Amino acid sequence: MPQMVVRIKVKDYISQKNMRMSQDFLDKLEEMVRSIIDKAIERAKANNRNTVMPRDL
């Protein structure tokens, strides 16, 4: 599967907060992002739409 989350952007953001990031954090974040998107897609489909919108989140 293609990567959804840009590793360096997440790492930079966390670094700005004076924290470090483990690799398994990014793996879990990827999983959560995919789940959120999948749920939004299902909601859009349930409302007979082909466009995912903020309200689907």
Protein backbone atom coordinates (compact mmCIF):
# COMPACT_ATOMS: atom_id res chain seq x y z
CA MET A 1 0.00 0.00 0.00
CA PRO A 2 1.22 3.52 -0.70
CA GLN A 3 2.30 5.63 2.23
CA MET A 4 -0.39 8.12 3.30
CA VAL A 5 1.54 10.06 5.93
CA VAL A 6 4.72 11.94 5.08
CA ARG A 7 7.26 10.68 7.60
CA ILE A 8 9.56 13.70 7.56
CA LYS A 9 6.66 16.13 8.07
CA VAL A 10 5.43 14.20 11.10
CA LYS A 11 8.95 13.85 12.46
CA ASP A 12 9.63 17.57 11.99
CA TYR A 13 6.38 18.49 13.75
CA ILE A 14 7.18 16.23 16.68
CA SER A 15 10.75 17.57 16.81
CA GLN A 16 9.41 21.12 17.05
CA LYS A 17 7.68 20.01 20.24
CA ASN A 18 11.06 18.77 21.57
CA MET A 19 10.06 15.13 21.25
CA ARG A 20 11.27 12.13 19.27
CA MET A 21 9.28 9.65 17.21
CA SER A 22 9.57 5.87 17.16
CA GLN A 23 9.01 3.97 13.91
CA ASP A 24 6.04 2.09 15.32
CA PHE A 25 4.36 5.44 16.02
CA LEU A 26 4.33 6.19 12.30
CA ASP A 27 3.02 2.70 11.53
CA LYS A 28 0.11 3.19 13.94
CA LEU A 29 -0.56 6.69 12.62
CA GLU A 30 -0.77 5.27 9.06
CA GLU A 31 -3.25 2.66 10.28
CA MET A 32 -5.40 5.28 11.99
CA VAL A 33 -5.41 7.61 8.99
CA ARG A 34 -6.51 4.78 6.69
CA SER A 35 -9.27 3.83 9.11
CA ILE A 36 -10.55 7.41 9.30
CA ILE A 37 -10.56 7.71 5.51
CA ASP A 38 -12.29 4.33 5.07
CA LYS A 39 -15.04 5.34 7.50
CA ALA A 40 -15.51 8.66 5.69
CA ILE A 41 -15.80 6.84 2.36
CA GLU A 42 -18.42 4.48 3.77
CA ARG A 43 -20.43 7.41 5.13
CA ALA A 44 -20.31 9.20 1.78
CA LYS A 45 -21.44 6.03 0.01
CA ALA A 46 -24.27 5.57 2.52
CA ASN A 47 -25.42 9.08 1.61
CA ASN A 48 -25.32 8.28 -2.12
CA ARG A 49 -22.34 10.53 -2.80
CA ASN A 50 -19.11 9.95 -4.68
CA THR A 51 -17.40 12.86 -2.94
CA VAL A 52 -15.95 12.55 0.54
CA MET A 53 -16.60 15.74 2.53
CA PRO A 54 -15.54 17.10 5.92
CA ARG A 55 -18.91 16.13 7.37
CA ASP A 56 -18.05 12.49 6.64
CA LEU A 57 -15.37 12.64 9.28
